[in-house]
Amino acid sequence: MKKYGVSIPIAGYIYKEVEANSKEEAKEKAMSESFEDDEIMELDTYDKLVEGNVCYTYHTSVSVDYLGDCDEDDE
């Protein structure tokens, strides 16, 4: 029997809600904050993430969605 070290590619995404004045500021805030385990929405293992021009996962960049205005009482 032989012993091997195996590195497995993983991909997934984290979902955070942040208060900001623009989508760019929201992205910067979310990217700079640490995250909790319960914010991980998906985590999968892959044999490979990308080969040639084929990407085997679908969350490949940050997306920002407007959720509405914050109430003054929420701040």
Protein backbone atom coordinates (compact mmCIF):
# COMPACT_ATOMS: atom_id res chain seq x y z
CA MET A 1 0.00 0.00 0.00
CA LYS A 2 1.29 3.49 -0.86
CA LYS A 3 0.46 6.81 0.75
CA TYR A 4 -0.66 9.83 -1.34
CA GLY A 5 -1.41 13.48 -0.65
CA VAL A 6 -4.45 14.58 -2.65
CA SER A 7 -5.52 18.19 -3.29
CA ILE A 8 -9.14 18.45 -4.40
CA PRO A 9 -10.43 21.61 -6.10
CA ILE A 10 -13.48 23.13 -4.38
CA ALA A 11 -15.91 25.81 -5.54
CA GLY A 12 -18.95 27.40 -4.03
CA TYR A 13 -20.29 30.76 -2.94
CA ILE A 14 -21.00 32.82 0.16
CA TYR A 15 -24.14 34.97 0.48
CA LYS A 16 -23.95 38.19 2.53
CA GLU A 17 -26.33 41.13 2.91
CA VAL A 18 -24.60 44.50 3.43
CA GLU A 19 -25.69 48.14 3.62
CA ALA A 20 -24.01 50.38 1.03
CA ASN A 21 -24.60 53.35 -1.26
CA SER A 22 -23.77 51.52 -4.50
CA LYS A 23 -23.26 48.06 -5.91
CA GLU A 24 -19.49 48.63 -6.02
CA GLU A 25 -19.41 49.65 -2.34
CA ALA A 26 -21.57 46.61 -1.47
CA LYS A 27 -19.11 44.35 -3.29
CA GLU A 28 -16.13 45.92 -1.50
CA LYS A 29 -17.79 45.59 1.92
CA ALA A 30 -18.83 41.98 1.36
CA MET A 31 -15.39 41.00 0.05
CA SER A 32 -13.57 42.63 2.99
CA GLU A 33 -15.71 41.09 5.76
CA SER A 34 -15.04 37.68 7.23
CA PHE A 35 -17.79 35.12 6.81
CA GLU A 36 -19.55 32.61 8.99
CA ASP A 37 -20.05 28.95 8.13
CA ASP A 38 -23.82 29.48 7.77
CA GLU A 39 -23.17 32.05 5.01
CA ILE A 40 -21.68 29.35 2.78
CA MET A 41 -24.54 28.57 0.41
CA GLU A 42 -22.82 25.92 -1.68
CA LEU A 43 -19.56 24.00 -1.55
CA ASP A 44 -18.74 21.27 -4.06
CA THR A 45 -15.69 19.22 -4.97
CA TYR A 46 -14.55 18.92 -8.58
CA ASP A 47 -12.17 16.75 -10.53
CA LYS A 48 -11.23 19.99 -12.31
CA LEU A 49 -12.65 23.52 -12.24
CA VAL A 50 -11.63 24.62 -15.74
CA GLU A 51 -10.26 22.80 -18.75
CA GLY A 52 -9.66 24.64 -22.02
CA ASN A 53 -12.62 26.94 -22.52
CA VAL A 54 -14.99 24.88 -20.33
CA CYS A 55 -15.72 25.92 -16.73
CA TYR A 56 -17.27 23.15 -14.64
CA THR A 57 -18.75 25.46 -11.99
CA TYR A 58 -21.25 28.27 -12.43
CA HIS A 59 -20.36 30.83 -9.73
CA THR A 60 -17.33 32.35 -11.41
CA SER A 61 -17.60 36.03 -10.39
CA VAL A 62 -19.17 38.27 -7.77
CA SER A 63 -22.79 39.27 -8.37
CA VAL A 64 -24.59 42.07 -6.52
CA ASP A 65 -28.39 42.38 -6.33
CA TYR A 66 -30.27 45.44 -5.02
CA LEU A 67 -32.60 44.35 -2.18
CA GLY A 68 -34.23 47.70 -1.32
CA ASP A 69 -33.68 50.75 0.85
CA CYS A 70 -32.77 50.40 4.53
CA ASP A 71 -35.03 51.92 7.17
CA GLU A 72 -33.41 54.58 9.33
CA ASP A 73 -34.29 52.43 12.37
CA ASP A 74 -32.20 49.54 10.99
CA GLU A 75 -28.94 51.47 11.20
